[in-house]
C-alpha atoms as a PDB file:
ATOM      1  CA  MET A   1     -38.462 -14.201 -22.673  1.00  0.00           C
ATOM      2  CA  PRO A   2     -37.171 -16.533 -19.946  1.00  0.00           C
ATOM      3  CA  LEU A   3     -35.048 -19.472 -20.854  1.00  0.00           C
ATOM      4  CA  VAL A   4     -37.216 -21.762 -18.842  1.00  0.00           C
ATOM      5  CA  ASN A   5     -41.005 -21.536 -18.419  1.00  0.00           C
ATOM      6  CA  PHE A   6     -41.251 -22.215 -14.628  1.00  0.00           C
ATOM      7  CA  GLU A   7     -45.248 -22.317 -14.817  1.00  0.00           C
ATOM      8  CA  LYS A   8     -45.108 -25.800 -15.821  1.00  0.00           C
ATOM      9  CA  PHE A   9     -43.535 -27.069 -12.610  1.00  0.00           C
ATOM     10  CA  ASP A  10     -45.154 -27.475  -9.326  1.00  0.00           C
ATOM     11  CA  LEU A  11     -43.834 -26.027  -5.939  1.00  0.00           C
ATOM     12  CA  ASN A  12     -41.752 -29.224  -5.195  1.00  0.00           C
ATOM     13  CA  GLN A  13     -40.153 -29.530  -8.664  1.00  0.00           C
ATOM     14  CA  LEU A  14     -39.093 -25.643  -8.363  1.00  0.00           C
ATOM     15  CA  LYS A  15     -37.604 -26.324  -4.812  1.00  0.00           C
ATOM     16  CA  GLN A  16     -35.637 -29.325  -6.399  1.00  0.00           C
ATOM     17  CA  ILE A  17     -34.501 -27.158  -9.233  1.00  0.00           C
ATOM     18  CA  SER A  18     -33.507 -24.347  -6.875  1.00  0.00           C
ATOM     19  CA  HIS A  19     -31.458 -26.863  -4.818  1.00  0.00           C
ATOM     20  CA  GLU A  20     -29.665 -28.352  -7.954  1.00  0.00           C
ATOM     21  CA  LEU A  21     -29.062 -24.692  -9.262  1.00  0.00           C
ATOM     22  CA  ALA A  22     -27.354 -23.582  -6.212  1.00  0.00           C
ATOM     23  CA  GLY A  23     -25.136 -26.629  -6.097  1.00  0.00           C
ATOM     24  CA  GLU A  24     -24.221 -26.168  -9.814  1.00  0.00           C
ATOM     25  CA  ILE A  25     -23.559 -22.191  -9.299  1.00  0.00           C
ATOM     26  CA  GLU A  26     -21.151 -23.232  -6.348  1.00  0.00           C
ATOM     27  CA  ARG A  27     -19.317 -25.763  -8.350  1.00  0.00           C
ATOM     28  CA  ARG A  28     -18.778 -23.528 -11.454  1.00  0.00           C
ATOM     29  CA  THR A  29     -17.764 -20.583  -9.232  1.00  0.00           C
ATOM     30  CA  GLU A  30     -15.062 -22.699  -7.744  1.00  0.00           C
ATOM     31  CA  GLU A  31     -14.098 -23.996 -11.233  1.00  0.00           C
ATOM     32  CA  GLU A  32     -13.690 -20.388 -12.452  1.00  0.00           C
ATOM     33  CA  ARG A  33     -11.715 -19.269  -9.319  1.00  0.00           C
ATOM     34  CA  GLN A  34      -9.200 -22.252 -10.101  1.00  0.00           C
ATOM     35  CA  LYS A  35      -8.814 -21.092 -13.669  1.00  0.00           C
ATOM     36  CA  ALA A  36      -8.279 -17.522 -12.747  1.00  0.00           C
ATOM     37  CA  ALA A  37      -5.745 -18.634 -10.149  1.00  0.00           C
ATOM     38  CA  MET A  38      -3.820 -20.765 -12.710  1.00  0.00           C
ATOM     39  CA  GLU A  39      -3.851 -17.680 -15.156  1.00  0.00           C
ATOM     40  CA  ILE A  40      -2.619 -15.397 -12.525  1.00  0.00           C
ATOM     41  CA  LYS A  41       0.338 -17.816 -11.626  1.00  0.00           C
ATOM     42  CA  ARG A  42       1.195 -18.241 -15.340  1.00  0.00           C
ATOM     43  CA  ILE A  43       1.553 -14.380 -15.788  1.00  0.00           C
ATOM     44  CA  ALA A  44       3.598 -14.070 -12.490  1.00  0.00           C
ATOM     45  CA  SER A  45       5.976 -16.914 -13.737  1.00  0.00           C
ATOM     46  CA  ALA A  46       6.318 -15.351 -16.967  1.00  0.00           C
ATOM     47  CA  LEU A  47       7.359 -11.966 -15.352  1.00  0.00           C
ATOM     48  CA  GLY A  48       9.874 -14.060 -13.235  1.00  0.00           C
ATOM     49  CA  MET A  49       7.845 -12.942 -10.109  1.00  0.00           C
ATOM     50  CA  THR A  50       5.573 -14.499  -7.322  1.00  0.00           C
ATOM     51  CA  VAL A  51       1.977 -13.760  -7.146  1.00  0.00           C
ATOM     52  CA  GLU A  52       2.728 -12.081  -3.654  1.00  0.00           C
ATOM     53  CA  GLN A  53       5.340  -9.690  -5.408  1.00  0.00           C
ATOM     54  CA  ILE A  54       2.690  -8.663  -8.018  1.00  0.00           C
ATOM     55  CA  LEU A  55      -0.144  -7.998  -5.397  1.00  0.00           C
ATOM     56  CA  THR A  56       1.824  -6.295  -2.726  1.00  0.00           C
ATOM     57  CA  GLU A  57       1.497  -2.581  -3.020  1.00  0.00           C
ATOM     58  CA  LYS A  58       4.620  -0.679  -2.453  1.00  0.00           C
ATOM     59  CA  LYS A  59       4.445   2.892  -1.152  1.00  0.00           C
ATOM     60  CA  PRO A  60       6.000   5.292  -3.542  1.00  0.00           C
ATOM     61  CA  LYS A  61       9.434   6.631  -2.382  1.00  0.00           C
ATOM     62  CA  ARG A  62       9.418  10.248  -1.332  1.00  0.00           C
ATOM     63  CA  GLY A  63      12.065  12.261  -2.739  1.00  0.00           C
ATOM     64  CA  ARG A  64      14.253  13.956  -0.392  1.00  0.00           C
ATOM     65  CA  LYS A  65      14.527  17.678  -0.025  1.00  0.00           C
ATOM     66  CA  PRO A  66      17.478  19.372  -1.471  1.00  0.00           C
ATOM     67  CA  LYS A  67      20.076  20.631   0.924  1.00  0.00           C
ATOM     68  CA  ALA A  68      20.822  24.371   0.949  1.00  0.00           C
ATOM     69  CA  LYS A  69      24.120  23.810  -0.968  1.00  0.00           C
ATOM     70  CA  GLU A  70      22.202  21.904  -3.616  1.00  0.00           C
ATOM     71  CA  GLU A  71      19.686  24.676  -3.968  1.00  0.00           C
ATOM     72  CA  GLN A  72      22.021  27.468  -4.940  1.00  0.00           C
ATOM     73  CA  VAL A  73      22.372  28.148  -8.709  1.00  0.00           C
ATOM     74  CA  ALA A  74      25.594  27.580 -10.096  1.00  0.00           C
ATOM     75  CA  GLY A  75      27.804  30.565 -10.138  1.00  0.00           C
ATOM     76  CA  GLU A  76      26.203  32.222  -7.033  1.00  0.00           C
ATOM     77  CA  ALA A  77      28.594  33.248  -4.259  1.00  0.00           C
ATOM     78  CA  VAL A  78      28.553  30.894  -1.207  1.00  0.00           C
ATOM     79  CA  PRO A  79      27.991  33.046   1.953  1.00  0.00           C
ATOM     80  CA  GLU A  80      31.180  33.084   4.068  1.00  0.00           C
ATOM     81  CA  VAL A  81      31.046  31.143   7.468  1.00  0.00           C
ATOM     82  CA  VAL A  82      31.912  33.690  10.334  1.00  0.00           C
ATOM     83  CA  SER A  83      33.234  32.106  13.514  1.00  0.00           C
ATOM     84  CA  SER A  84      31.608  33.235  16.838  1.00  0.00           C
ATOM     85  CA  ALA A  85      34.753  35.319  17.782  1.00  0.00           C
ATOM     86  CA  GLU A  86      34.351  37.415  14.487  1.00  0.00           C
ATOM     87  CA  SER A  87      30.491  37.606  14.816  1.00  0.00           C
ATOM     88  CA  HIS A  88      29.058  40.849  15.967  1.00  0.00           C
ATOM     89  CA  GLU A  89      26.093  39.101  17.590  1.00  0.00           C
ATOM     90  CA  PRO A  90      26.080  38.494  21.426  1.00  0.00           C
ATOM     91  CA  GLU A  91      26.932  35.014  22.311  1.00  0.00           C
ATOM     92  CA  LYS A  92      23.994  32.868  23.887  1.00  0.00           C
ATOM     93  CA  GLU A  93      24.702  31.269  27.187  1.00  0.00           C
ATOM     94  CA  GLU A  94      24.385  27.485  27.380  1.00  0.00           C
ATOM     95  CA  ARG A  95      22.315  26.456  30.302  1.00  0.00           C
ATOM     96  CA  PRO A  96      22.445  22.902  31.637  1.00  0.00           C
ATOM     97  CA  SER A  97      19.310  21.009  30.950  1.00  0.00           C
ATOM     98  CA  LYS A  98      17.053  19.651  33.626  1.00  0.00           C
ATOM     99  CA  PRO A  99      17.585  16.071  34.438  1.00  0.00           C
ATOM    100  CA  VAL A 100      14.924  13.815  32.966  1.00  0.00           C
ATOM    101  CA  ARG A 101      12.992  11.536  35.441  1.00  0.00           C
ATOM    102  CA  LYS A 102      12.486   8.108  34.502  1.00  0.00           C
ATOM    103  CA  GLY A 103       9.449   6.406  35.570  1.00  0.00           C
ATOM    104  CA  GLY A 104       6.120   7.866  36.776  1.00  0.00           C
ATOM    105  CA  LYS A 105       5.463  10.507  39.534  1.00  0.00           C
ATOM    106  CA  LYS A 106       5.853   9.322  43.193  1.00  0.00           C
END
């Protein structure tokens, strides 16, 4: 059952009710928004933070990958570093790199 029986109103009265109702809905919406804003500020203050600090999303920190030394299990032998003079592998020639052009093609 509806709260109000609108059949007893003529068209002009219904339009007036609609206009007044829209204004009241707008007023109450703003009133509720202000109450919510005050409550949010109160919570932030109780936490010792600003509203911005609470609402700003921080990206989770990514853990770094462990280095090779950290991955080894305790008690394992660390491979010995061999100098290039002691190595049985052929040495690679170092070639000078090509100069890098700055600017566009001419």
